[in-house]
N, C-alpha and C. Protein backbone atom coordinates (compact mmCIF):
# COMPACT_ATOMS: atom_id res chain seq x y z
N MET A 1 141.78 154.55 30.36
CA MET A 1 142.42 155.74 30.58
C MET A 1 144.01 155.71 31.04
N GLU A 2 144.72 156.49 30.32
CA GLU A 2 146.06 156.44 30.52
C GLU A 2 146.52 156.50 32.15
N LYS A 3 147.42 156.06 32.68
CA LYS A 3 148.07 156.07 34.21
C LYS A 3 148.99 156.87 34.03
N LYS A 4 148.98 158.00 34.83
CA LYS A 4 149.99 159.09 35.21
C LYS A 4 150.41 159.40 36.67
N ILE A 5 151.29 159.55 36.96
CA ILE A 5 151.92 160.00 38.17
C ILE A 5 152.01 161.65 38.06
N PHE A 6 151.40 162.42 38.96
CA PHE A 6 151.20 163.62 38.81
C PHE A 6 152.26 164.42 40.14
N ARG A 7 153.17 165.25 39.67
CA ARG A 7 153.79 166.06 40.71
C ARG A 7 152.98 167.39 41.39
N LYS A 8 152.09 167.78 40.47
CA LYS A 8 150.91 168.70 41.06
C LYS A 8 149.92 168.55 40.35
N CYS A 9 148.66 169.13 40.87
CA CYS A 9 147.36 168.99 40.35
C CYS A 9 147.18 169.46 38.97
N PRO A 10 146.79 168.67 37.89
CA PRO A 10 146.71 169.19 36.63
C PRO A 10 145.45 169.75 36.44
N THR A 11 144.52 169.80 37.19
CA THR A 11 143.23 170.56 36.90
C THR A 11 142.80 171.20 38.65
N PRO A 12 143.61 172.21 38.90
CA PRO A 12 143.45 173.03 40.14
C PRO A 12 141.93 173.47 40.24
N ASN A 13 141.31 173.62 39.28
CA ASN A 13 139.88 174.47 39.15
C ASN A 13 138.67 173.54 39.16
N ILE A 14 139.12 172.22 39.34
CA ILE A 14 138.08 171.21 39.20
C ILE A 14 138.06 170.56 40.44
N ALA A 15 136.93 170.30 41.16
CA ALA A 15 136.82 169.43 42.42
C ALA A 15 137.53 167.99 41.90
N CYS A 16 137.85 167.31 42.97
CA CYS A 16 138.84 166.22 42.88
C CYS A 16 137.73 165.05 42.44
N ASN A 17 136.61 164.97 43.19
CA ASN A 17 135.62 163.85 42.67
C ASN A 17 134.92 164.24 41.35
N GLU A 18 135.29 165.32 40.76
CA GLU A 18 134.76 165.42 39.42
C GLU A 18 135.80 165.44 38.08
N CYS A 19 136.99 165.17 38.89
CA CYS A 19 138.22 165.18 37.81
C CYS A 19 138.62 163.78 37.26
N GLN A 20 138.85 163.99 35.71
CA GLN A 20 139.12 162.67 35.15
C GLN A 20 140.17 161.93 35.98
N TRP A 21 141.25 162.78 36.52
CA TRP A 21 142.54 161.96 36.82
C TRP A 21 142.46 161.79 38.36
N SER A 22 141.49 161.69 38.94
CA SER A 22 141.29 161.32 40.32
C SER A 22 141.86 160.30 40.83
N ASP A 23 141.64 159.27 39.89
CA ASP A 23 142.39 157.73 40.35
C ASP A 23 143.90 157.99 40.11
N SER A 24 144.37 158.39 39.20
CA SER A 24 145.84 158.66 39.25
C SER A 24 146.23 159.53 40.48
N CYS A 25 145.69 160.42 40.55
CA CYS A 25 145.93 161.26 41.92
C CYS A 25 146.12 160.28 43.19
N GLN A 26 145.35 159.80 43.39
CA GLN A 26 145.17 158.64 44.53
C GLN A 26 146.34 157.90 44.27
N GLY A 27 146.75 157.21 43.10
CA GLY A 27 147.78 156.39 43.10
C GLY A 27 149.03 157.12 43.34
N THR A 28 149.18 158.53 42.66
CA THR A 28 150.22 159.19 43.19
C THR A 28 150.50 159.51 44.51
N THR A 29 149.42 159.78 45.28
CA THR A 29 149.82 160.06 46.64
C THR A 29 150.38 158.58 47.36
N LEU A 30 149.74 157.53 47.04
CA LEU A 30 150.27 156.09 47.54
C LEU A 30 151.63 156.00 46.99
N HIS A 31 152.12 156.30 45.64
CA HIS A 31 153.43 156.06 45.11
C HIS A 31 154.38 156.84 45.95
N CYS A 32 154.14 158.24 46.10
CA CYS A 32 154.98 159.11 46.67
C CYS A 32 155.22 158.75 48.05
N LEU A 33 154.11 158.58 48.88
CA LEU A 33 154.45 157.98 50.27
C LEU A 33 155.27 156.79 50.29
N LEU A 34 155.04 155.74 49.52
CA LEU A 34 156.06 154.64 49.58
C LEU A 34 157.44 155.07 49.15
N VAL A 35 157.55 155.73 48.10
CA VAL A 35 158.83 155.94 47.74
C VAL A 35 159.53 156.93 48.56
N ASP A 36 159.04 157.84 49.13
CA ASP A 36 159.53 158.52 50.21
C ASP A 36 159.91 157.71 51.72
N CYS A 37 159.14 156.82 52.03
CA CYS A 37 159.18 155.82 53.15
C CYS A 37 160.42 155.16 52.83
N LYS A 38 160.49 154.58 51.61
CA LYS A 38 161.55 153.69 51.18
C LYS A 38 162.65 154.49 51.50
N ALA A 39 163.22 155.62 50.93
CA ALA A 39 164.10 156.34 50.91
C ALA A 39 164.47 156.80 52.15
N PHE A 40 163.88 157.12 53.24
CA PHE A 40 164.03 157.56 54.38
C PHE A 40 164.40 156.19 55.25
N TYR A 41 163.77 155.00 55.00
CA TYR A 41 164.11 153.97 55.77
C TYR A 41 165.52 153.37 55.30
N TYR A 42 165.74 153.65 53.98
CA TYR A 42 167.14 153.24 53.59
C TYR A 42 168.12 153.80 54.17
N VAL A 43 168.06 155.10 54.25
CA VAL A 43 169.06 156.09 55.16
C VAL A 43 169.24 155.67 56.48
N TYR A 44 167.99 155.40 57.06
CA TYR A 44 167.99 154.97 58.61
C TYR A 44 168.76 153.67 58.60
N CYS A 45 168.56 152.74 57.72
CA CYS A 45 169.25 151.29 57.78
C CYS A 45 170.58 151.55 57.46
N TRP A 46 171.12 152.60 56.68
CA TRP A 46 172.60 152.69 56.28
C TRP A 46 173.17 153.25 57.47
N LEU A 47 172.46 154.14 58.09
CA LEU A 47 173.16 154.79 59.46
C LEU A 47 173.21 154.03 60.45
N ALA A 48 172.29 152.94 60.72
CA ALA A 48 172.54 152.06 61.65
C ALA A 48 173.71 151.00 61.67
N GLN A 49 173.73 150.79 60.21
CA GLN A 49 174.89 149.75 59.68
C GLN A 49 176.31 150.51 60.04
N GLU A 50 176.35 151.88 59.72
CA GLU A 50 177.41 152.61 60.05
C GLU A 50 177.87 152.61 61.38
N LYS A 51 177.08 152.79 62.35
CA LYS A 51 177.40 152.79 63.70
C LYS A 51 177.37 151.29 64.41
N GLN A 52 177.06 150.46 63.83
CA GLN A 52 177.06 149.18 64.29
C GLN A 52 178.77 148.52 64.73
N MET A 53 178.86 147.93 65.98
CA MET A 53 179.90 147.66 66.44
C MET A 53 180.47 146.22 66.03
N PRO A 54 181.65 146.17 65.78
CA PRO A 54 182.19 144.66 65.11
C PRO A 54 181.59 143.61 66.16
N VAL A 55 181.34 142.49 65.74
CA VAL A 55 181.09 141.45 66.69
C VAL A 55 182.12 140.23 66.64
N HIS A 56 182.24 139.70 67.69
CA HIS A 56 183.51 138.87 68.16
C HIS A 56 183.15 137.66 67.34
N ASP A 57 184.05 137.19 66.64
CA ASP A 57 183.72 135.73 65.93
C ASP A 57 184.62 134.67 66.41
N GLY A 58 185.25 134.95 67.36
CA GLY A 58 186.15 133.60 68.06
C GLY A 58 187.68 134.18 68.00
N SER A 59 188.13 135.06 66.99
CA SER A 59 189.27 135.52 66.78
C SER A 59 189.53 136.80 67.60
N GLN A 60 190.08 136.77 68.82
CA GLN A 60 190.58 137.75 69.61
C GLN A 60 191.50 139.04 69.01
N GLU A 61 192.20 138.44 68.29
CA GLU A 61 193.24 139.47 67.53
C GLU A 61 192.53 140.36 66.48
N LYS A 62 191.58 139.71 65.48
CA LYS A 62 190.82 140.21 64.41
C LYS A 62 189.79 141.13 65.10
N PHE A 63 189.37 140.69 66.28
CA PHE A 63 188.26 141.53 66.99
C PHE A 63 188.74 142.57 67.67
N GLU A 64 190.12 142.78 68.10
CA GLU A 64 190.71 144.05 68.81
C GLU A 64 190.83 145.14 67.46
N ALA A 65 191.41 144.30 66.39
CA ALA A 65 191.80 145.31 65.15
C ALA A 65 190.54 145.89 64.58
N GLU A 66 189.37 145.00 64.55
CA GLU A 66 187.97 145.69 64.07
C GLU A 66 187.76 146.90 65.04
N ILE A 67 187.58 146.61 66.39
CA ILE A 67 187.23 147.58 67.20
C ILE A 67 188.02 148.74 67.28
N GLU A 68 189.47 148.56 67.08
CA GLU A 68 190.36 149.86 66.83
C GLU A 68 189.89 150.51 65.72
N CYS A 69 189.75 149.85 64.60
CA CYS A 69 189.44 150.59 63.37
C CYS A 69 188.04 151.10 63.51
N TYR A 70 186.88 150.69 64.13
CA TYR A 70 185.66 151.16 64.45
C TYR A 70 185.71 152.42 65.14
N LEU A 71 186.58 152.28 66.12
CA LEU A 71 186.66 153.54 67.18
C LEU A 71 187.29 154.64 66.40
N GLU A 72 188.46 154.43 65.64
CA GLU A 72 189.02 155.42 64.75
C GLU A 72 188.03 156.12 63.64
N LYS A 73 187.25 155.19 63.03
CA LYS A 73 186.31 155.90 62.28
C LYS A 73 185.23 156.82 63.04
N GLN A 74 184.83 156.24 64.10
CA GLN A 74 183.88 156.82 64.86
C GLN A 74 184.24 158.39 65.34
N LEU A 75 185.50 158.27 65.52
CA LEU A 75 186.03 159.78 66.17
C LEU A 75 186.31 160.70 65.10
N ARG A 76 186.49 160.28 63.77
CA ARG A 76 186.62 161.04 62.66
C ARG A 76 185.11 161.63 62.05
N ARG A 77 184.02 161.17 62.50
CA ARG A 77 182.82 161.49 61.90
C ARG A 77 181.97 162.03 62.98
N PRO A 78 180.86 163.05 62.33
CA PRO A 78 179.77 163.32 63.48
C PRO A 78 179.14 162.21 64.08
N PHE A 79 178.34 162.43 65.28
CA PHE A 79 177.46 161.60 65.86
C PHE A 79 176.31 161.47 65.09
N LEU A 80 176.00 160.10 64.46
CA LEU A 80 175.01 159.87 63.64
C LEU A 80 173.67 159.21 64.16
N ARG A 81 173.68 159.07 65.33
CA ARG A 81 172.42 158.59 65.94
C ARG A 81 171.16 159.68 65.76
N ILE A 82 171.38 160.83 65.89
CA ILE A 82 170.24 161.78 65.69
C ILE A 82 169.91 161.76 64.39
N PRO A 83 170.62 162.01 63.33
CA PRO A 83 170.05 161.67 61.96
C PRO A 83 169.50 160.19 61.77
N GLN A 84 169.75 159.17 62.35
CA GLN A 84 169.17 157.94 62.15
C GLN A 84 168.01 157.98 62.80
N TRP A 85 167.71 158.35 63.94
CA TRP A 85 166.42 158.63 64.58
C TRP A 85 165.32 159.59 63.80
N THR A 86 166.08 160.51 63.31
CA THR A 86 164.96 161.42 62.51
C THR A 86 164.60 160.67 61.34
N ASN A 87 165.73 159.99 60.59
CA ASN A 87 165.16 159.29 59.26
C ASN A 87 164.36 158.34 59.67
N GLY A 88 164.28 157.57 60.73
CA GLY A 88 163.62 156.32 61.07
C GLY A 88 162.18 156.64 61.49
N ALA A 89 162.15 157.68 62.43
CA ALA A 89 160.76 158.12 62.81
C ALA A 89 159.88 158.76 61.47
N PHE A 90 160.55 159.58 60.49
CA PHE A 90 159.77 160.04 59.53
C PHE A 90 159.36 158.77 58.35
N ALA A 91 160.44 157.85 58.40
CA ALA A 91 160.01 156.67 57.58
C ALA A 91 158.74 155.90 58.02
N ALA A 92 158.92 155.70 59.36
CA ALA A 92 157.79 155.00 60.19
C ALA A 92 156.41 155.87 59.84
N GLU A 93 156.58 157.37 60.04
CA GLU A 93 155.28 158.23 59.88
C GLU A 93 154.62 157.91 58.57
N LEU A 94 155.77 158.02 57.58
CA LEU A 94 155.20 157.99 56.04
C LEU A 94 154.73 156.41 55.89
N ALA A 95 155.30 155.44 56.10
CA ALA A 95 154.75 154.14 56.30
C ALA A 95 153.07 154.16 56.65
N LEU A 96 152.95 154.44 58.00
CA LEU A 96 151.68 154.53 58.50
C LEU A 96 150.72 155.19 57.86
N LYS A 97 150.91 156.43 57.28
CA LYS A 97 150.15 157.27 56.65
C LYS A 97 149.88 156.61 55.20
N PHE A 98 150.94 155.83 54.52
CA PHE A 98 150.74 155.12 53.39
C PHE A 98 149.54 154.12 53.80
N LEU A 99 149.47 153.45 54.93
CA LEU A 99 148.40 152.44 55.10
C LEU A 99 147.24 153.10 55.23
N PHE A 100 147.18 154.43 55.68
CA PHE A 100 145.85 154.98 55.99
C PHE A 100 145.30 155.34 54.25
N ALA A 101 146.23 155.84 53.77
CA ALA A 101 145.71 156.25 52.23
C ALA A 101 145.42 155.11 51.59
N ARG A 102 146.18 153.96 51.58
CA ARG A 102 145.87 152.71 51.06
C ARG A 102 144.41 152.35 51.28
N GLU A 103 143.77 152.58 52.03
CA GLU A 103 142.31 152.32 52.56
C GLU A 103 141.50 153.35 52.59
N ASP A 104 142.04 154.49 51.70
CA ASP A 104 141.26 155.73 51.41
C ASP A 104 140.74 156.45 52.86
N LYS A 105 141.52 156.27 53.77
CA LYS A 105 141.14 157.04 55.23
C LYS A 105 142.18 158.07 55.34
N SER A 106 141.43 159.15 55.67
CA SER A 106 142.26 160.27 56.09
C SER A 106 143.18 160.15 57.37
N TYR A 107 144.36 160.74 57.32
CA TYR A 107 145.18 160.69 58.79
C TYR A 107 145.25 162.15 59.00
N GLY A 108 144.59 163.09 58.59
CA GLY A 108 144.61 164.50 59.02
C GLY A 108 145.88 165.13 58.76
N SER A 109 146.22 165.74 59.83
CA SER A 109 147.75 166.45 60.13
C SER A 109 148.33 165.77 61.41
N ILE A 110 148.28 164.47 61.65
CA ILE A 110 148.73 163.85 62.81
C ILE A 110 150.45 163.54 62.17
N HIS A 111 151.08 163.67 63.23
CA HIS A 111 152.36 163.31 63.03
C HIS A 111 152.88 162.55 64.14
N ASN A 112 152.02 162.18 65.30
CA ASN A 112 152.49 161.49 66.40
C ASN A 112 152.34 159.82 66.01
N LEU A 113 153.49 159.23 66.26
CA LEU A 113 153.38 157.92 65.74
C LEU A 113 152.43 156.86 66.64
N LYS A 114 152.37 157.25 67.77
CA LYS A 114 151.38 156.52 68.54
C LYS A 114 149.74 156.95 68.04
N ASP A 115 149.45 158.09 68.02
CA ASP A 115 148.22 158.65 67.36
C ASP A 115 147.99 157.83 66.14
N LEU A 116 148.80 157.84 64.99
CA LEU A 116 148.87 157.28 63.87
C LEU A 116 148.69 155.68 64.01
N PHE A 117 149.47 155.13 64.75
CA PHE A 117 149.30 153.67 64.88
C PHE A 117 148.00 153.22 65.38
N TYR A 118 147.40 153.85 66.70
CA TYR A 118 146.21 153.30 67.19
C TYR A 118 144.77 153.93 66.52
N ASN A 119 145.30 154.73 65.53
CA ASN A 119 144.11 155.19 64.56
C ASN A 119 144.13 154.51 63.23
N LEU A 120 145.05 153.49 63.05
CA LEU A 120 145.11 152.96 61.72
C LEU A 120 143.80 151.97 61.31
N PRO A 121 143.54 151.79 59.93
CA PRO A 121 142.57 151.14 59.45
C PRO A 121 142.92 149.76 60.19
N GLU A 122 141.94 149.27 60.70
CA GLU A 122 141.75 148.01 61.63
C GLU A 122 142.81 146.82 61.08
N ILE A 123 142.30 146.53 59.85
CA ILE A 123 143.34 145.74 59.07
C ILE A 123 144.76 145.53 59.24
N HIS A 124 145.35 146.79 59.12
CA HIS A 124 146.61 147.02 59.32
C HIS A 124 147.00 147.16 60.72
N LYS A 125 146.18 147.68 61.56
CA LYS A 125 146.71 147.85 62.97
C LYS A 125 146.64 146.38 63.56
N VAL A 126 145.80 145.59 63.33
CA VAL A 126 145.86 144.38 63.81
C VAL A 126 147.19 143.49 63.21
N GLU A 127 147.31 143.57 61.94
CA GLU A 127 148.51 142.93 61.43
C GLU A 127 149.90 143.51 62.17
N LEU A 128 149.96 144.55 62.25
CA LEU A 128 151.19 145.21 62.71
C LEU A 128 151.14 144.97 64.20
N LEU A 129 150.13 144.97 65.03
CA LEU A 129 150.25 144.37 66.45
C LEU A 129 150.81 143.06 66.40
N ASN A 130 150.26 142.25 65.50
CA ASN A 130 150.67 140.84 65.81
C ASN A 130 152.14 140.58 65.47
N ARG A 131 152.47 141.54 64.43
CA ARG A 131 154.09 141.54 63.93
C ARG A 131 154.96 141.90 65.28
N ILE A 132 154.44 143.02 65.81
CA ILE A 132 155.32 143.69 66.97
C ILE A 132 155.15 142.65 68.28
N LYS A 133 154.20 142.19 68.52
CA LYS A 133 154.19 141.08 69.52
C LYS A 133 155.29 139.97 69.06
N THR A 134 155.03 139.40 68.03
CA THR A 134 155.82 138.27 67.76
C THR A 134 157.56 138.61 67.57
N GLN A 135 157.65 139.72 66.79
CA GLN A 135 159.11 139.87 66.15
C GLN A 135 159.74 140.75 67.33
N ALA A 136 159.02 141.67 68.07
CA ALA A 136 159.68 142.52 68.99
C ALA A 136 159.36 142.23 70.39
N HIS A 137 158.53 141.07 70.65
CA HIS A 137 158.18 140.38 71.92
C HIS A 137 157.66 141.57 72.87
N GLN A 138 156.72 142.17 72.35
CA GLN A 138 155.77 142.97 73.20
C GLN A 138 154.45 142.64 73.33
N THR A 139 153.80 143.23 74.66
CA THR A 139 152.66 142.74 74.92
C THR A 139 151.84 144.17 74.39
N GLU A 140 150.45 144.04 74.43
CA GLU A 140 149.72 145.31 74.06
C GLU A 140 150.10 146.59 74.97
N LYS A 141 150.15 146.36 76.23
CA LYS A 141 150.45 147.44 77.14
C LYS A 141 151.85 147.74 77.03
N THR A 142 152.73 146.81 76.88
CA THR A 142 154.31 147.28 76.74
C THR A 142 154.47 147.90 75.62
N LEU A 143 153.67 147.86 74.36
CA LEU A 143 153.85 148.47 73.26
C LEU A 143 153.18 149.88 73.60
N GLU A 144 151.99 150.04 74.21
CA GLU A 144 151.57 151.24 74.37
C GLU A 144 152.29 152.12 75.22
N ILE A 145 152.95 151.71 76.23
CA ILE A 145 153.87 152.47 77.02
C ILE A 145 155.08 153.02 76.40
N GLN A 146 155.77 152.00 75.56
CA GLN A 146 156.84 152.52 74.77
C GLN A 146 156.60 153.28 73.95
N LEU A 147 155.54 153.02 73.03
CA LEU A 147 155.19 153.84 71.79
C LEU A 147 154.90 155.18 72.34
N SER A 148 154.55 155.59 73.53
CA SER A 148 154.27 156.87 74.10
C SER A 148 155.63 157.49 74.40
N ASP A 149 156.91 156.67 74.70
CA ASP A 149 158.17 157.31 74.91
C ASP A 149 158.57 157.83 73.64
N PHE A 150 158.28 157.16 72.47
CA PHE A 150 158.82 157.83 70.99
C PHE A 150 158.00 158.28 70.08
N SER A 151 156.56 158.54 70.43
CA SER A 151 155.57 158.91 69.57
C SER A 151 156.02 160.24 68.82
N ASP A 152 156.86 160.97 69.53
CA ASP A 152 157.16 162.45 68.88
C ASP A 152 158.79 162.32 68.59
N ALA A 153 159.16 161.10 68.00
CA ALA A 153 160.72 160.89 67.94
C ALA A 153 161.10 161.98 66.76
N PHE A 154 160.14 162.03 65.83
CA PHE A 154 160.51 162.98 64.58
C PHE A 154 160.75 164.49 65.21
N VAL A 155 160.08 164.98 66.05
CA VAL A 155 160.42 166.20 66.49
C VAL A 155 161.48 166.33 67.50
N LYS A 156 161.50 165.41 68.36
CA LYS A 156 162.62 165.33 69.13
C LYS A 156 163.76 165.33 68.57
N SER A 157 163.88 164.38 67.66
CA SER A 157 165.30 164.10 67.20
C SER A 157 165.73 165.19 66.18
N ARG A 158 164.67 165.75 65.57
CA ARG A 158 165.35 167.16 64.77
C ARG A 158 165.44 168.26 65.69
N TYR A 159 164.99 168.40 66.86
CA TYR A 159 165.22 169.72 67.70
C TYR A 159 165.75 169.17 69.03
N PHE A 160 166.60 168.04 69.05
CA PHE A 160 167.28 167.47 70.16
C PHE A 160 167.82 168.55 71.07
N PHE A 161 168.21 169.74 70.95
CA PHE A 161 168.97 170.78 71.55
C PHE A 161 167.90 171.28 72.56
N GLU A 162 166.59 171.27 72.10
CA GLU A 162 165.83 172.07 72.79
C GLU A 162 165.15 171.17 74.16
N TYR A 163 165.61 169.77 74.08
CA TYR A 163 164.94 168.90 74.99
C TYR A 163 166.01 168.57 76.10
N GLY A 164 167.17 169.33 75.88
CA GLY A 164 168.14 168.87 77.00
C GLY A 164 168.85 167.44 76.79
N SER A 165 167.86 166.47 77.20
CA SER A 165 168.34 165.02 77.04
C SER A 165 167.11 164.50 76.58
N PHE A 166 167.13 163.16 75.93
CA PHE A 166 166.22 162.38 75.67
C PHE A 166 166.70 161.14 75.16
N GLY A 167 165.80 159.99 75.32
CA GLY A 167 166.02 158.64 74.76
C GLY A 167 164.87 158.00 74.25
N PHE A 168 165.18 157.04 73.57
CA PHE A 168 164.09 156.09 73.18
C PHE A 168 164.06 154.65 73.72
N SER A 169 163.33 154.02 73.85
CA SER A 169 163.30 152.46 74.37
C SER A 169 163.76 151.80 73.06
N GLY A 170 164.05 150.43 73.43
CA GLY A 170 164.69 149.72 72.45
C GLY A 170 163.84 149.40 71.54
N LEU A 171 162.57 149.49 71.61
CA LEU A 171 161.48 149.31 70.82
C LEU A 171 161.55 149.98 69.49
N PHE A 172 161.92 151.19 69.63
CA PHE A 172 162.07 152.30 68.49
C PHE A 172 162.58 151.46 67.17
N ASP A 173 163.76 150.92 67.16
CA ASP A 173 164.37 150.37 66.06
C ASP A 173 163.53 149.32 65.69
N SER A 174 162.93 148.37 66.49
CA SER A 174 162.03 147.32 66.02
C SER A 174 160.70 147.95 65.37
N PHE A 175 160.33 148.99 65.80
CA PHE A 175 158.89 149.57 65.29
C PHE A 175 159.22 150.07 63.97
N VAL A 176 160.13 150.76 63.64
CA VAL A 176 160.72 151.37 62.60
C VAL A 176 160.79 150.17 61.63
N LYS A 177 161.43 149.12 61.95
CA LYS A 177 161.86 148.24 60.96
C LYS A 177 160.45 147.46 60.52
N ILE A 178 159.70 147.15 61.66
CA ILE A 178 158.45 146.18 61.37
C ILE A 178 157.42 147.04 60.39
N VAL A 179 157.34 148.36 60.95
CA VAL A 179 156.22 149.12 60.31
C VAL A 179 156.53 149.32 58.74
N CYS A 180 157.84 149.92 58.50
CA CYS A 180 158.32 150.23 57.41
C CYS A 180 158.33 148.99 56.34
N GLU A 181 158.76 147.78 56.81
CA GLU A 181 158.91 146.73 56.05
C GLU A 181 157.37 146.11 55.62
N TYR A 182 156.56 146.33 56.63
CA TYR A 182 155.37 146.03 56.25
C TYR A 182 154.72 146.78 55.05
N ALA A 183 154.74 148.04 55.20
CA ALA A 183 154.26 148.86 54.19
C ALA A 183 154.94 148.64 53.01
N LEU A 184 156.18 148.56 52.85
CA LEU A 184 157.07 148.22 51.70
C LEU A 184 156.67 146.86 50.83
N GLU A 185 155.88 145.97 51.58
CA GLU A 185 155.35 144.88 51.12
C GLU A 185 154.34 144.96 49.94
N PHE A 186 153.61 146.28 50.22
CA PHE A 186 152.72 146.69 49.12
C PHE A 186 153.36 147.11 47.96
N GLU A 187 154.69 147.45 47.81
CA GLU A 187 155.19 148.07 46.89
C GLU A 187 154.96 147.22 45.44
N GLN A 188 154.56 147.90 44.33
CA GLN A 188 154.21 147.08 43.19
C GLN A 188 155.43 147.48 42.14
N ALA A 189 155.99 146.40 41.55
CA ALA A 189 157.24 146.50 40.66
C ALA A 189 156.64 147.70 39.42
N ASP A 190 157.75 148.50 39.21
CA ASP A 190 157.47 149.20 38.28
C ASP A 190 157.32 148.79 36.93
N ASP A 191 156.07 148.51 36.40
CA ASP A 191 155.70 147.71 35.13
C ASP A 191 155.90 148.45 33.62
N GLY A 192 156.62 150.00 33.88
CA GLY A 192 156.78 150.39 32.78
C GLY A 192 155.57 151.24 32.07
N GLU A 193 154.32 151.21 32.84
CA GLU A 193 153.34 151.72 32.48
C GLU A 193 153.09 153.25 32.79
N VAL A 194 153.72 153.49 33.86
CA VAL A 194 153.52 154.82 34.66
C VAL A 194 154.26 155.64 34.02
N GLU A 195 154.03 156.92 33.51
CA GLU A 195 154.43 158.29 32.83
C GLU A 195 154.47 159.03 33.83
N LEU A 196 155.59 159.81 33.92
CA LEU A 196 155.79 160.89 34.71
C LEU A 196 155.52 162.09 33.95
N TRP A 197 154.54 163.09 34.54
CA TRP A 197 153.99 163.94 33.77
C TRP A 197 154.41 165.34 34.45
């Protein structure tokens, strides 16, 4: 059977388990989750790079010039941390939902990063937990505490003005990176057989 990626259901009057395209629909969900995750993660990384301060490489004169240029650039642009958090939180949510869908598991209408993480299919939860312990130097307890702090980062960063003030632990950036890069390891090269319909 021909493989297609659908933007909408081709047979809305037929139950999914009876539809000839059900395998393609599942593939479409996985594909779209991963494409969107990659896009939001890319913007998140770009914003992080844009706000990164210069690093001293031994030349004080060069460093001072780079700092001056950095500060001038920052004064001319809006505060980018809020959009960075928003994109990072959404990218991580999509990555986690991709891992659910990959194992044919439902994630319901969960948007909370902590709930998504702790309800992941075991194979992915164990792998991510090991990576977080190794790469972000966390224990299971510190992960749980810090994940609680930013579990609703997508909502808080989008509606920051309703919260007065808020912040996230240093684990947020590592969590986004580890979760997104793990999910993106499952990305398959486009072999030209996929037809957009």
